[in-house]
Amino acid sequence: MKYQNARPLIRSGDVLAWSHRGIYSWHDLKIWFVRLFTRSEYSHVGTAWVVNNRVLVIEAVKPMVRIFPLSKLGNFYWLRTGAYWRKSTEELALSFVGDNYSELQAIMSPFITPPNDDRWECAELVACIARQDGIDLGGVYTPSEVVLAAQKRGAPLTYVEGGQP
């Protein structure tokens, strides 16, 4: 599906996922290692936030949790979660913006429960935000496990060709 067709259908609380294939830089190599250690088909997940007719993503990336325009993140996978996106959900999600990202937690995520701290990895953040809306995305915080948990709840996986790579 083209981004311009998906854009009006994406809702706050939907899960967004990316799969990173090529190794062309040091960053790409680090992502490949994270995918290897986490045994994850997907390299990253984020939560959609629709505000003022803009589709943004709330995501944990180096160096911190940020809000970024979805249209500038290239091709992605979209999972319609049916989240209610209550005011309390939005307040919780926005409270994490600016918190630190942890590469170590991202690498260790399939093996340990993340500590209760102010450091995040992407799947842990997405699952925490979804939980506020009563959506259980499991307790193993890898991008693939979050995508699989959303699919098990009935969220269709749609590939979206979008925005700027």
Foldseek 3Di string as FASTA:
>chain_A
DACVVCLVVDAFLKKKFAAQDDDDDPVSVLLVLLCVLLVARTSAMFTWHADPSFTWTFFQDPFFTAIGGPQAVFKIKIWDQVFPCDPVLVVVSVVLGPFGEDSVCSSCQQPDQDDPDSYHHGQVSSQVSSVVRVQHQDRRRHRRSSVVSSVVVPTDIDIYGHHHD
